[in-house]
C-alpha atoms as a PDB file:
ATOM      1  CA  ILE A   1     -18.627  14.701  12.074  1.00  0.00           C
ATOM      2  CA  ASN A   2     -21.201  16.628  14.130  1.00  0.00           C
ATOM      3  CA  GLU A   3     -22.730  17.682  10.775  1.00  0.00           C
ATOM      4  CA  GLN A   4     -19.423  19.148   9.537  1.00  0.00           C
ATOM      5  CA  SER A   5     -18.043  17.702   6.286  1.00  0.00           C
ATOM      6  CA  LEU A   6     -14.473  16.416   6.532  1.00  0.00           C
ATOM      7  CA  GLY A   7     -14.114  15.607   2.837  1.00  0.00           C
ATOM      8  CA  LYS A   8     -14.763  12.965   0.203  1.00  0.00           C
ATOM      9  CA  ARG A   9     -12.891  10.397  -1.877  1.00  0.00           C
ATOM     10  CA  PRO A  10     -14.302   9.310  -5.253  1.00  0.00           C
ATOM     11  CA  SER A  11     -12.432   6.000  -5.446  1.00  0.00           C
ATOM     12  CA  GLY A  12     -13.912   3.224  -3.351  1.00  0.00           C
ATOM     13  CA  TYR A  13     -10.565   1.400  -3.470  1.00  0.00           C
ATOM     14  CA  ALA A  14      -8.407   4.203  -2.041  1.00  0.00           C
ATOM     15  CA  SER A  15      -7.305   4.306   1.598  1.00  0.00           C
ATOM     16  CA  PHE A  16      -7.441   7.756   3.179  1.00  0.00           C
ATOM     17  CA  ALA A  17      -7.790   9.683   6.438  1.00  0.00           C
ATOM     18  CA  PHE A  18      -9.347  12.970   7.539  1.00  0.00           C
ATOM     19  CA  ASP A  19      -8.380  15.115  10.532  1.00  0.00           C
ATOM     20  CA  ALA A  20     -11.472  15.543  12.704  1.00  0.00           C
ATOM     21  CA  THR A  21      -9.739  17.544  15.456  1.00  0.00           C
ATOM     22  CA  PRO A  22     -11.355  20.949  14.737  1.00  0.00           C
ATOM     23  CA  TRP A  23     -14.871  19.513  14.970  1.00  0.00           C
ATOM     24  CA  ILE A  24     -14.585  17.291  18.043  1.00  0.00           C
ATOM     25  CA  GLU A  25     -16.725  18.347  21.018  1.00  0.00           C
ATOM     26  CA  TYR A  26     -14.707  17.184  23.996  1.00  0.00           C
ATOM     27  CA  GLY A  27     -16.624  15.714  26.904  1.00  0.00           C
ATOM     28  CA  LYS A  28     -19.710  15.146  24.747  1.00  0.00           C
ATOM     29  CA  ASP A  29     -21.076  12.492  22.412  1.00  0.00           C
ATOM     30  CA  ASN A  30     -19.886  13.051  18.838  1.00  0.00           C
ATOM     31  CA  LEU A  31     -21.791  11.866  15.780  1.00  0.00           C
ATOM     32  CA  ILE A  32     -19.736  10.358  12.955  1.00  0.00           C
ATOM     33  CA  ALA A  33     -21.596   9.785   9.684  1.00  0.00           C
ATOM     34  CA  VAL A  34     -20.252   8.260   6.468  1.00  0.00           C
ATOM     35  CA  ARG A  35     -22.174   8.223   3.208  1.00  0.00           C
ATOM     36  CA  ALA A  36     -21.171   5.712   0.558  1.00  0.00           C
ATOM     37  CA  ASP A  37     -22.934   6.590  -2.706  1.00  0.00           C
ATOM     38  CA  HIS A  38     -22.765   3.958  -5.447  1.00  0.00           C
ATOM     39  CA  SER A  39     -25.939   4.978  -7.267  1.00  0.00           C
ATOM     40  CA  ARG A  40     -24.316   6.626 -10.280  1.00  0.00           C
ATOM     41  CA  SER A  41     -21.990   3.753 -11.185  1.00  0.00           C
ATOM     42  CA  ALA A  42     -23.842   0.776  -9.761  1.00  0.00           C
ATOM     43  CA  ASP A  43     -22.118  -1.708 -12.022  1.00  0.00           C
ATOM     44  CA  SER A  44     -18.566  -2.496 -13.051  1.00  0.00           C
ATOM     45  CA  ARG A  45     -16.569  -5.019 -15.047  1.00  0.00           C
ATOM     46  CA  TRP A  46     -16.496  -7.219 -11.917  1.00  0.00           C
ATOM     47  CA  TYR A  47     -18.278  -7.313  -8.585  1.00  0.00           C
ATOM     48  CA  THR A  48     -17.285  -4.185  -6.667  1.00  0.00           C
ATOM     49  CA  GLY A  49     -19.422  -4.419  -3.560  1.00  0.00           C
ATOM     50  CA  SER A  50     -21.121  -1.369  -2.043  1.00  0.00           C
ATOM     51  CA  GLY A  51     -20.948   0.495   1.233  1.00  0.00           C
ATOM     52  CA  ILE A  52     -18.132   0.136   3.765  1.00  0.00           C
ATOM     53  CA  TYR A  53     -16.624  -3.298   3.137  1.00  0.00           C
ATOM     54  CA  ARG A  54     -13.103  -2.695   4.482  1.00  0.00           C
ATOM     55  CA  ASN A  55     -11.889  -1.723   7.944  1.00  0.00           C
ATOM     56  CA  ALA A  56     -12.446   1.816   9.225  1.00  0.00           C
ATOM     57  CA  TRP A  57     -10.504   3.136  12.212  1.00  0.00           C
ATOM     58  CA  LEU A  58     -10.820   6.045  14.627  1.00  0.00           C
ATOM     59  CA  VAL A  59      -7.231   7.065  15.359  1.00  0.00           C
ATOM     60  CA  TYR A  60      -6.068   9.133  18.317  1.00  0.00           C
ATOM     61  CA  ALA A  61      -2.633  10.750  18.263  1.00  0.00           C
ATOM     62  CA  LYS A  62      -0.654  13.441  20.024  1.00  0.00           C
ATOM     63  CA  PRO A  63      -0.206  16.764  18.152  1.00  0.00           C
ATOM     64  CA  ILE A  64       3.339  15.611  17.297  1.00  0.00           C
ATOM     65  CA  HIS A  65       3.126  12.136  15.785  1.00  0.00           C
ATOM     66  CA  ILE A  66       4.291   9.781  13.055  1.00  0.00           C
ATOM     67  CA  ALA A  67       2.550  10.801   9.828  1.00  0.00           C
ATOM     68  CA  GLN A  68       0.086   8.490   8.105  1.00  0.00           C
ATOM     69  CA  TRP A  69       2.132   5.758   6.333  1.00  0.00           C
ATOM     70  CA  GLY A  70       5.140   7.709   7.606  1.00  0.00           C
ATOM     71  CA  VAL A  71       7.595   4.819   8.073  1.00  0.00           C
ATOM     72  CA  TYR A  72       9.294   3.279   5.052  1.00  0.00           C
ATOM     73  CA  ALA A  73      11.887   0.503   5.420  1.00  0.00           C
ATOM     74  CA  TYR A  74      13.750  -0.868   2.419  1.00  0.00           C
ATOM     75  CA  PRO A  75      16.970  -2.870   1.965  1.00  0.00           C
ATOM     76  CA  LYS A  76      19.763  -0.936   0.260  1.00  0.00           C
ATOM     77  CA  ALA A  77      22.249  -3.775   0.035  1.00  0.00           C
ATOM     78  CA  VAL A  78      21.478  -7.458   0.540  1.00  0.00           C
ATOM     79  CA  THR A  79      23.963 -10.285   0.971  1.00  0.00           C
ATOM     80  CA  LYS A  80      23.783 -13.511   2.958  1.00  0.00           C
ATOM     81  CA  LYS A  81      26.250 -12.105   5.486  1.00  0.00           C
ATOM     82  CA  ASN A  82      25.232  -8.464   5.866  1.00  0.00           C
ATOM     83  CA  THR A  83      22.337  -6.206   4.970  1.00  0.00           C
ATOM     84  CA  VAL A  84      21.663  -2.497   5.309  1.00  0.00           C
ATOM     85  CA  ILE A  85      18.037  -1.449   5.786  1.00  0.00           C
ATOM     86  CA  SER A  86      17.281   2.203   5.139  1.00  0.00           C
ATOM     87  CA  VAL A  87      14.416   3.599   7.224  1.00  0.00           C
ATOM     88  CA  ASP A  88      12.617   6.859   6.426  1.00  0.00           C
ATOM     89  CA  VAL A  89      10.484   8.317   9.225  1.00  0.00           C
ATOM     90  CA  GLU A  90       8.113  11.238   8.638  1.00  0.00           C
ATOM     91  CA  ILE A  91       6.952  13.254  11.654  1.00  0.00           C
ATOM     92  CA  GLU A  92       3.983  15.623  11.603  1.00  0.00           C
ATOM     93  CA  ASN A  93       3.697  18.497  14.071  1.00  0.00           C
ATOM     94  CA  GLY A  94       0.059  19.545  14.117  1.00  0.00           C
ATOM     95  CA  SER A  95       0.544  21.997  16.976  1.00  0.00           C
ATOM     96  CA  THR A  96       1.361  25.708  16.980  1.00  0.00           C
ATOM     97  CA  THR A  97       4.629  25.276  18.887  1.00  0.00           C
ATOM     98  CA  THR A  98       7.907  23.561  18.057  1.00  0.00           C
ATOM     99  CA  GLY A  99       8.585  22.226  21.531  1.00  0.00           C
ATOM    100  CA  SER A 100      11.657  20.353  22.710  1.00  0.00           C
ATOM    101  CA  PRO A 101      13.709  18.143  20.356  1.00  0.00           C
ATOM    102  CA  LEU A 102      12.494  14.637  19.570  1.00  0.00           C
ATOM    103  CA  THR A 103      14.316  11.335  19.801  1.00  0.00           C
ATOM    104  CA  ILE A 104      13.490   8.795  17.081  1.00  0.00           C
ATOM    105  CA  THR A 105      14.406   5.168  17.746  1.00  0.00           C
ATOM    106  CA  ASN A 106      14.182   2.290  15.269  1.00  0.00           C
ATOM    107  CA  GLU A 107      14.541  -1.283  16.510  1.00  0.00           C
ATOM    108  CA  LEU A 108      14.515  -4.293  14.187  1.00  0.00           C
ATOM    109  CA  LEU A 109      13.236  -7.494  15.781  1.00  0.00           C
ATOM    110  CA  SER A 110      13.600 -11.014  14.430  1.00  0.00           C
ATOM    111  CA  GLN A 111      10.739 -13.522  14.332  1.00  0.00           C
ATOM    112  CA  GLU A 112      11.962 -14.756  17.718  1.00  0.00           C
ATOM    113  CA  GLY A 113      11.581 -11.257  19.166  1.00  0.00           C
ATOM    114  CA  LYS A 114      15.322 -10.564  19.395  1.00  0.00           C
ATOM    115  CA  VAL A 115      16.578  -7.033  18.654  1.00  0.00           C
ATOM    116  CA  VAL A 116      19.032  -7.476  15.770  1.00  0.00           C
ATOM    117  CA  ALA A 117      19.625  -3.789  14.957  1.00  0.00           C
ATOM    118  CA  LYS A 118      18.925  -0.443  16.610  1.00  0.00           C
ATOM    119  CA  GLU A 119      19.531   3.204  15.733  1.00  0.00           C
ATOM    120  CA  THR A 120      18.573   6.490  17.426  1.00  0.00           C
ATOM    121  CA  LYS A 121      18.486  10.023  16.073  1.00  0.00           C
ATOM    122  CA  LYS A 122      17.578  13.506  17.330  1.00  0.00           C
ATOM    123  CA  LEU A 123      15.113  15.620  15.390  1.00  0.00           C
ATOM    124  CA  SER A 124      13.361  18.986  15.629  1.00  0.00           C
ATOM    125  CA  ALA A 125       9.804  19.311  14.306  1.00  0.00           C
ATOM    126  CA  PRO A 126       8.792  22.935  13.605  1.00  0.00           C
ATOM    127  CA  ALA A 127       5.208  23.925  14.332  1.00  0.00           C
ATOM    128  CA  GLY A 128       2.713  23.025  11.620  1.00  0.00           C
ATOM    129  CA  GLN A 129       5.217  21.160   9.461  1.00  0.00           C
ATOM    130  CA  HIS A 130       6.161  17.671   8.278  1.00  0.00           C
ATOM    131  CA  VAL A 131       9.798  16.656   8.717  1.00  0.00           C
ATOM    132  CA  GLN A 132      11.578  13.510   7.590  1.00  0.00           C
ATOM    133  CA  THR A 133      14.682  11.750   8.788  1.00  0.00           C
ATOM    134  CA  ASN A 134      16.590   8.695   7.603  1.00  0.00           C
ATOM    135  CA  MET A 135      18.426   5.998   9.519  1.00  0.00           C
ATOM    136  CA  GLU A 136      20.309   2.901   8.437  1.00  0.00           C
ATOM    137  CA  LEU A 137      20.120  -0.410  10.283  1.00  0.00           C
ATOM    138  CA  LYS A 138      22.952  -2.888   9.754  1.00  0.00           C
ATOM    139  CA  VAL A 139      21.881  -6.526  10.042  1.00  0.00           C
ATOM    140  CA  SER A 140      24.340  -9.418  10.290  1.00  0.00           C
ATOM    141  CA  ASN A 141      23.412 -12.849   8.917  1.00  0.00           C
ATOM    142  CA  PRO A 142      19.932 -11.749   7.797  1.00  0.00           C
ATOM    143  CA  GLN A 143      17.088 -14.222   7.433  1.00  0.00           C
ATOM    144  CA  LEU A 144      16.032 -13.633   3.830  1.00  0.00           C
ATOM    145  CA  TRP A 145      12.418 -13.618   2.684  1.00  0.00           C
ATOM    146  CA  SER A 146      11.586 -16.051  -0.100  1.00  0.00           C
ATOM    147  CA  ILE A 147       8.701 -18.065  -1.520  1.00  0.00           C
ATOM    148  CA  GLU A 148       9.749 -21.137   0.481  1.00  0.00           C
ATOM    149  CA  THR A 149      10.876 -19.359   3.667  1.00  0.00           C
ATOM    150  CA  PRO A 150       8.955 -16.079   4.080  1.00  0.00           C
ATOM    151  CA  ASN A 151      11.001 -14.758   7.007  1.00  0.00           C
ATOM    152  CA  LEU A 152       9.734 -11.467   8.412  1.00  0.00           C
ATOM    153  CA  TYR A 153      11.034  -8.815  10.788  1.00  0.00           C
ATOM    154  CA  GLN A 154       9.211  -6.288  12.963  1.00  0.00           C
ATOM    155  CA  LEU A 155      10.432  -2.686  12.866  1.00  0.00           C
ATOM    156  CA  LYS A 156       9.475  -0.789  16.017  1.00  0.00           C
ATOM    157  CA  THR A 157       9.607   2.999  15.603  1.00  0.00           C
ATOM    158  CA  THR A 158       9.355   5.106  18.764  1.00  0.00           C
ATOM    159  CA  VAL A 159       9.124   8.896  19.135  1.00  0.00           C
ATOM    160  CA  LEU A 160      10.139  10.429  22.457  1.00  0.00           C
ATOM    161  CA  GLN A 161       9.955  14.010  23.679  1.00  0.00           C
ATOM    162  CA  GLY A 162      12.244  14.206  26.663  1.00  0.00           C
ATOM    163  CA  ASN A 163      11.801  10.853  28.384  1.00  0.00           C
ATOM    164  CA  LYS A 164       8.148  10.502  27.388  1.00  0.00           C
ATOM    165  CA  VAL A 165       6.977   8.278  24.541  1.00  0.00           C
ATOM    166  CA  ILE A 166       4.552  10.340  22.439  1.00  0.00           C
ATOM    167  CA  ASP A 167       4.059   7.930  19.529  1.00  0.00           C
ATOM    168  CA  GLU A 168       5.138   4.507  18.324  1.00  0.00           C
ATOM    169  CA  THR A 169       4.298   2.100  15.540  1.00  0.00           C
ATOM    170  CA  THR A 170       5.365  -1.347  14.394  1.00  0.00           C
ATOM    171  CA  THR A 171       5.977  -2.096  10.715  1.00  0.00           C
ATOM    172  CA  THR A 172       6.289  -5.591   9.297  1.00  0.00           C
ATOM    173  CA  THR A 173       9.170  -5.820   6.851  1.00  0.00           C
ATOM    174  CA  GLY A 174      11.477  -8.345   5.259  1.00  0.00           C
ATOM    175  CA  ILE A 175      14.842  -8.655   3.550  1.00  0.00           C
ATOM    176  CA  ARG A 176      15.158  -9.841  -0.037  1.00  0.00           C
ATOM    177  CA  SER A 177      16.673  -8.827  -3.352  1.00  0.00           C
ATOM    178  CA  TYR A 178      15.494  -9.402  -6.889  1.00  0.00           C
ATOM    179  CA  THR A 179      16.569  -8.653 -10.434  1.00  0.00           C
ATOM    180  CA  PHE A 180      14.990  -8.595 -13.886  1.00  0.00           C
ATOM    181  CA  ASP A 181      17.353  -9.597 -16.679  1.00  0.00           C
ATOM    182  CA  PRO A 182      16.417  -9.763 -20.399  1.00  0.00           C
ATOM    183  CA  ASN A 183      18.582 -12.856 -20.841  1.00  0.00           C
ATOM    184  CA  THR A 184      18.116 -14.827 -17.633  1.00  0.00           C
ATOM    185  CA  GLY A 185      14.721 -13.561 -16.472  1.00  0.00           C
ATOM    186  CA  PHE A 186      13.614 -12.914 -12.905  1.00  0.00           C
ATOM    187  CA  ALA A 187      15.713 -13.855  -9.880  1.00  0.00           C
ATOM    188  CA  LEU A 188      14.845 -13.694  -6.179  1.00  0.00           C
ATOM    189  CA  ASN A 189      17.805 -13.535  -3.790  1.00  0.00           C
ATOM    190  CA  GLY A 190      20.071 -14.463  -6.693  1.00  0.00           C
ATOM    191  CA  GLN A 191      18.101 -17.600  -7.590  1.00  0.00           C
ATOM    192  CA  ALA A 192      16.236 -17.831 -10.906  1.00  0.00           C
ATOM    193  CA  LEU A 193      12.480 -18.000 -10.373  1.00  0.00           C
ATOM    194  CA  LYS A 194       9.667 -18.501 -12.861  1.00  0.00           C
ATOM    195  CA  VAL A 195       6.787 -16.238 -11.845  1.00  0.00           C
ATOM    196  CA  LYS A 196       3.541 -18.227 -11.985  1.00  0.00           C
ATOM    197  CA  GLY A 197       0.767 -15.818 -11.134  1.00  0.00           C
ATOM    198  CA  VAL A 198      -2.955 -15.229 -11.298  1.00  0.00           C
ATOM    199  CA  CYS A 199      -5.157 -12.161 -11.583  1.00  0.00           C
ATOM    200  CA  LEU A 200      -7.146 -11.928  -8.358  1.00  0.00           C
ATOM    201  CA  HIS A 201     -10.156  -9.682  -7.777  1.00  0.00           C
ATOM    202  CA  HIS A 202     -11.029  -8.425  -4.319  1.00  0.00           C
ATOM    203  CA  ASP A 203     -14.243 -10.393  -3.743  1.00  0.00           C
ATOM    204  CA  ALA A 204     -14.718 -13.950  -2.514  1.00  0.00           C
ATOM    205  CA  GLY A 205     -17.693 -15.273  -4.445  1.00  0.00           C
ATOM    206  CA  VAL A 206     -20.841 -15.510  -2.330  1.00  0.00           C
ATOM    207  CA  LEU A 207     -19.075 -13.663   0.510  1.00  0.00           C
ATOM    208  CA  GLY A 208     -18.934 -10.529  -1.626  1.00  0.00           C
ATOM    209  CA  ALA A 209     -16.335  -7.809  -1.134  1.00  0.00           C
ATOM    210  CA  SER A 210     -16.187  -7.928   2.676  1.00  0.00           C
ATOM    211  CA  VAL A 211     -13.868 -10.918   2.985  1.00  0.00           C
ATOM    212  CA  PRO A 212     -12.696 -12.292   6.363  1.00  0.00           C
ATOM    213  CA  LYS A 213      -8.921 -12.673   6.600  1.00  0.00           C
ATOM    214  CA  GLU A 214      -9.166 -16.412   7.274  1.00  0.00           C
ATOM    215  CA  VAL A 215     -10.993 -16.854   3.949  1.00  0.00           C
ATOM    216  CA  TRP A 216      -8.188 -15.109   2.084  1.00  0.00           C
ATOM    217  CA  LYS A 217      -5.648 -17.270   3.892  1.00  0.00           C
ATOM    218  CA  ARG A 218      -7.400 -20.469   2.835  1.00  0.00           C
ATOM    219  CA  ARG A 219      -7.671 -19.300  -0.772  1.00  0.00           C
ATOM    220  CA  LEU A 220      -4.034 -18.212  -0.971  1.00  0.00           C
ATOM    221  CA  LEU A 221      -2.799 -21.466   0.546  1.00  0.00           C
ATOM    222  CA  THR A 222      -4.866 -23.368  -2.019  1.00  0.00           C
ATOM    223  CA  LEU A 223      -3.294 -21.340  -4.827  1.00  0.00           C
ATOM    224  CA  LYS A 224       0.190 -22.131  -3.482  1.00  0.00           C
ATOM    225  CA  GLU A 225      -0.670 -25.831  -3.400  1.00  0.00           C
ATOM    226  CA  LEU A 226      -1.622 -25.567  -7.076  1.00  0.00           C
ATOM    227  CA  GLY A 227       1.801 -24.111  -7.928  1.00  0.00           C
ATOM    228  CA  CYS A 228       0.950 -20.401  -7.908  1.00  0.00           C
ATOM    229  CA  ASN A 229       3.643 -18.118  -6.496  1.00  0.00           C
ATOM    230  CA  ALA A 230       2.391 -14.650  -7.478  1.00  0.00           C
ATOM    231  CA  ILE A 231      -0.738 -12.489  -7.273  1.00  0.00           C
ATOM    232  CA  ARG A 232      -1.781  -9.599  -9.469  1.00  0.00           C
ATOM    233  CA  CYS A 233      -4.244  -7.306  -7.669  1.00  0.00           C
ATOM    234  CA  SER A 234      -6.822  -6.951 -10.415  1.00  0.00           C
ATOM    235  CA  HIS A 235      -7.485  -4.182 -11.139  1.00  0.00           C
ATOM    236  CA  ASN A 236      -7.261  -1.943  -8.098  1.00  0.00           C
ATOM    237  CA  PRO A 237      -5.621  -1.762  -4.675  1.00  0.00           C
ATOM    238  CA  HIS A 238      -6.885  -4.521  -2.379  1.00  0.00           C
ATOM    239  CA  ALA A 239      -7.498  -4.573   1.364  1.00  0.00           C
ATOM    240  CA  PRO A 240      -4.316  -4.391   3.491  1.00  0.00           C
ATOM    241  CA  GLU A 241      -5.011  -7.849   4.924  1.00  0.00           C
ATOM    242  CA  LEU A 242      -4.325  -9.491   1.550  1.00  0.00           C
ATOM    243  CA  TYR A 243      -0.803  -8.048   1.347  1.00  0.00           C
ATOM    244  CA  GLU A 244      -0.135  -9.048   4.965  1.00  0.00           C
ATOM    245  CA  LEU A 245      -1.016 -12.641   4.119  1.00  0.00           C
ATOM    246  CA  CYS A 246       1.161 -12.637   1.001  1.00  0.00           C
ATOM    247  CA  ASP A 247       4.061 -11.425   3.159  1.00  0.00           C
ATOM    248  CA  GLU A 248       3.421 -14.206   5.686  1.00  0.00           C
ATOM    249  CA  LEU A 249       2.737 -17.046   3.241  1.00  0.00           C
ATOM    250  CA  GLY A 250       5.397 -16.290   0.621  1.00  0.00           C
ATOM    251  CA  LEU A 251       3.592 -14.977  -2.461  1.00  0.00           C
ATOM    252  CA  LEU A 252       4.874 -12.291  -4.819  1.00  0.00           C
ATOM    253  CA  VAL A 253       2.494  -9.394  -5.512  1.00  0.00           C
ATOM    254  CA  MET A 254       2.005  -7.010  -8.413  1.00  0.00           C
ATOM    255  CA  ASP A 255       0.046  -4.123  -6.885  1.00  0.00           C
ATOM    256  CA  GLU A 256      -2.275  -2.526  -9.446  1.00  0.00           C
ATOM    257  CA  ALA A 257      -3.713   0.987  -9.353  1.00  0.00           C
ATOM    258  CA  PHE A 258      -6.339   1.396 -12.104  1.00  0.00           C
ATOM    259  CA  ASP A 259      -8.484  -0.374 -14.662  1.00  0.00           C
ATOM    260  CA  GLU A 260      -8.942   2.736 -16.818  1.00  0.00           C
ATOM    261  CA  TRP A 261      -7.571   6.236 -17.169  1.00  0.00           C
ATOM    262  CA  GLU A 262      -9.369   8.690 -19.483  1.00  0.00           C
ATOM    263  CA  PHE A 263     -10.886   6.144 -21.862  1.00  0.00           C
ATOM    264  CA  PRO A 264     -13.995   4.468 -20.367  1.00  0.00           C
ATOM    265  CA  LYS A 265     -14.762   0.774 -20.619  1.00  0.00           C
ATOM    266  CA  ARG A 266     -18.188  -0.730 -21.044  1.00  0.00           C
ATOM    267  CA  LYS A 267     -19.954  -1.926 -17.903  1.00  0.00           C
ATOM    268  CA  TRP A 268     -22.850  -4.211 -18.747  1.00  0.00           C
ATOM    269  CA  LEU A 269     -25.860  -3.755 -16.492  1.00  0.00           C
ATOM    270  CA  GLU A 270     -27.990  -6.619 -17.835  1.00  0.00           C
ATOM    271  CA  GLY A 271     -25.344  -9.167 -18.777  1.00  0.00           C
ATOM    272  CA  TRP A 272     -22.472  -9.406 -21.251  1.00  0.00           C
ATOM    273  CA  ASN A 273     -23.377  -7.648 -24.521  1.00  0.00           C
ATOM    274  CA  LYS A 274     -26.988  -7.199 -23.391  1.00  0.00           C
ATOM    275  CA  GLY A 275     -28.824  -3.895 -23.290  1.00  0.00           C
ATOM    276  CA  THR A 276     -27.038  -0.560 -23.091  1.00  0.00           C
ATOM    277  CA  PRO A 277     -23.678  -0.483 -21.292  1.00  0.00           C
ATOM    278  CA  GLY A 278     -22.746   2.074 -18.681  1.00  0.00           C
ATOM    279  CA  PHE A 279     -19.525   4.066 -18.854  1.00  0.00           C
ATOM    280  CA  ASP A 280     -19.269   5.662 -15.407  1.00  0.00           C
ATOM    281  CA  GLY A 281     -16.155   4.838 -13.431  1.00  0.00           C
ATOM    282  CA  ILE A 282     -12.630   5.989 -12.660  1.00  0.00           C
ATOM    283  CA  VAL A 283     -12.635   7.931 -15.927  1.00  0.00           C
ATOM    284  CA  ASP A 284     -14.974  10.456 -14.271  1.00  0.00           C
ATOM    285  CA  PHE A 285     -12.361  11.594 -11.757  1.00  0.00           C
ATOM    286  CA  PHE A 286      -9.028  10.276 -13.048  1.00  0.00           C
ATOM    287  CA  GLU A 287      -7.633  13.653 -14.112  1.00  0.00           C
ATOM    288  CA  ALA A 288      -8.320  15.193 -10.709  1.00  0.00           C
ATOM    289  CA  TRP A 289      -7.592  12.218  -8.444  1.00  0.00           C
ATOM    290  CA  GLY A 290      -5.479   9.695 -10.370  1.00  0.00           C
ATOM    291  CA  GLU A 291      -2.066  10.903  -9.247  1.00  0.00           C
ATOM    292  CA  ARG A 292      -3.190  11.201  -5.608  1.00  0.00           C
ATOM    293  CA  ASP A 293      -4.750   7.720  -5.629  1.00  0.00           C
ATOM    294  CA  LEU A 294      -1.570   6.228  -7.073  1.00  0.00           C
ATOM    295  CA  ALA A 295       0.713   7.967  -4.572  1.00  0.00           C
ATOM    296  CA  ASP A 296      -1.469   6.895  -1.649  1.00  0.00           C
ATOM    297  CA  MET A 297      -1.492   3.283  -2.851  1.00  0.00           C
ATOM    298  CA  VAL A 298       2.294   3.221  -2.971  1.00  0.00           C
ATOM    299  CA  ARG A 299       2.743   4.931   0.404  1.00  0.00           C
ATOM    300  CA  ARG A 300       0.274   2.542   2.028  1.00  0.00           C
ATOM    301  CA  ASP A 301       1.697  -0.663   0.529  1.00  0.00           C
ATOM    302  CA  ARG A 302       5.402   0.071   0.029  1.00  0.00           C
ATOM    303  CA  ASN A 303       6.588  -1.807   3.137  1.00  0.00           C
ATOM    304  CA  HIS A 304       5.148  -5.132   2.019  1.00  0.00           C
ATOM    305  CA  VAL A 305       8.079  -7.388   1.194  1.00  0.00           C
ATOM    306  CA  SER A 306       5.855  -9.447  -1.119  1.00  0.00           C
ATOM    307  CA  ILE A 307       5.409  -6.573  -3.596  1.00  0.00           C
ATOM    308  CA  PHE A 308       7.913  -6.899  -6.431  1.00  0.00           C
ATOM    309  CA  ALA A 309       6.182  -4.681  -9.029  1.00  0.00           C
ATOM    310  CA  TRP A 310       3.646  -1.881  -9.355  1.00  0.00           C
ATOM    311  CA  SER A 311       1.065  -1.747 -12.138  1.00  0.00           C
ATOM    312  CA  ILE A 312      -0.161   1.695 -13.135  1.00  0.00           C
ATOM    313  CA  GLY A 313      -3.028   0.367 -15.229  1.00  0.00           C
ATOM    314  CA  ASN A 314      -4.829  -2.556 -16.841  1.00  0.00           C
ATOM    315  CA  GLU A 315      -5.581  -2.400 -20.577  1.00  0.00           C
ATOM    316  CA  ILE A 316      -5.228   1.349 -20.448  1.00  0.00           C
ATOM    317  CA  ASP A 317      -5.587   3.687 -23.357  1.00  0.00           C
ATOM    318  CA  TYR A 318      -2.249   5.323 -24.126  1.00  0.00           C
ATOM    319  CA  PRO A 319       1.200   3.906 -24.788  1.00  0.00           C
ATOM    320  CA  ASN A 320       2.437   7.509 -25.131  1.00  0.00           C
ATOM    321  CA  ASP A 321       0.148   9.400 -22.787  1.00  0.00           C
ATOM    322  CA  PRO A 322       0.586  12.468 -20.568  1.00  0.00           C
ATOM    323  CA  TYR A 323       0.201  10.404 -17.373  1.00  0.00           C
ATOM    324  CA  SER A 324       2.604   7.462 -17.299  1.00  0.00           C
ATOM    325  CA  HIS A 325       5.765   9.430 -17.992  1.00  0.00           C
ATOM    326  CA  PRO A 326       5.541  11.623 -14.854  1.00  0.00           C
ATOM    327  CA  VAL A 327       4.923   8.427 -12.879  1.00  0.00           C
ATOM    328  CA  LEU A 328       7.940   6.684 -14.373  1.00  0.00           C
ATOM    329  CA  ASN A 329      10.101   9.756 -13.846  1.00  0.00           C
ATOM    330  CA  GLY A 330       9.217   9.557 -10.148  1.00  0.00           C
ATOM    331  CA  THR A 331      10.919   6.179  -9.781  1.00  0.00           C
ATOM    332  CA  GLY A 332      12.709   5.899  -6.450  1.00  0.00           C
ATOM    333  CA  LYS A 333      10.542   8.414  -4.606  1.00  0.00           C
ATOM    334  CA  ASP A 334       8.129   7.410  -1.843  1.00  0.00           C
ATOM    335  CA  GLY A 335       8.317   3.716  -2.616  1.00  0.00           C
ATOM    336  CA  PHE A 336       8.758   3.448  -6.393  1.00  0.00           C
ATOM    337  CA  THR A 337      11.800   1.222  -5.879  1.00  0.00           C
ATOM    338  CA  GLN A 338      10.179  -1.774  -7.578  1.00  0.00           C
ATOM    339  CA  PRO A 339       9.684  -2.167 -11.346  1.00  0.00           C
ATOM    340  CA  ILE A 340       6.668  -0.385 -12.843  1.00  0.00           C
ATOM    341  CA  PHE A 341       4.310  -2.067 -15.293  1.00  0.00           C
ATOM    342  CA  GLY A 342       1.523  -0.795 -17.519  1.00  0.00           C
ATOM    343  CA  GLY A 343      -0.796  -3.107 -19.422  1.00  0.00           C
ATOM    344  CA  TYR A 344      -1.152  -1.480 -22.832  1.00  0.00           C
ATOM    345  CA  GLN A 345      -0.430  -2.297 -26.452  1.00  0.00           C
ATOM    346  CA  LYS A 346      -1.179  -0.054 -29.394  1.00  0.00           C
ATOM    347  CA  GLU A 347      -2.701  -2.775 -31.580  1.00  0.00           C
ATOM    348  CA  ALA A 348      -4.557  -4.737 -28.885  1.00  0.00           C
ATOM    349  CA  PRO A 349      -4.745  -3.538 -25.290  1.00  0.00           C
ATOM    350  CA  ASP A 350      -4.246  -6.540 -23.035  1.00  0.00           C
ATOM    351  CA  ALA A 351      -3.479  -7.462 -19.451  1.00  0.00           C
END
């Protein structure tokens, strides 16, 4: 911005943000420039698209505000009569002063717009720090989310300093429970369910990688009509709009992070098994960026009620590697409350 570099992100599938505050010239025109460079790895194992093909936002916030992806709502106990939803709220104080205490309010609204649960808590945010608080919302007679009845709630989080609202956000969430059992299989809300899914890439044929939401809705509804009830995001995080639609329409989602780790896969430039393949890709920056990309995917997507599993890789190289174990050991932190999957097999790597 204004010829000052804010940073870079090697993965074209990662969502991210940069703080432009130090470089803004107030009262003047400001020049924002983004360079998307796809020249080194201009091919892939599927159609990637090039340039900016997902939404980009210019966000304004007060110095004290809700952090990026800073609200996380998840059910701790689910029954047909009562449910407890745990809500984590992360506040960032980007100023040099602590200021007066904050009041954090969480309101859970039904699809009809009725407030069904509300909690308030006081919090102090020291200068230059991130602070987190937790609240529990008790819901009576919850409307459960399922494939047939994808009931959703809206969680409204408000931050007040004194009597003044300084930030607020609304998070779509839902209430459901599921189990994986080696004898009885998968169950959603206590009912056995056969998962019938497809691998879905992020493009839409001739429309390329910049896909209007209404196109995704039509495609997902068609898949449901065919008997599909689950989507695997092959083989990278997809645009947020896809997960929103799966929440609304009643489709389970396996959210996938990577197609490769340190072992490159062949990318054919001239056609399958023609010419000399390219090997550029995630492998070039996985060691430096892999853990960050994975954490950001989970923080961004963790509130989607449709997500029932995370995939840390497709046909990846190690069954006993130095990467997956730290990920698995992090289960339960920052959204790793769903099962974790990795597509690898020593004899024959497969999806």
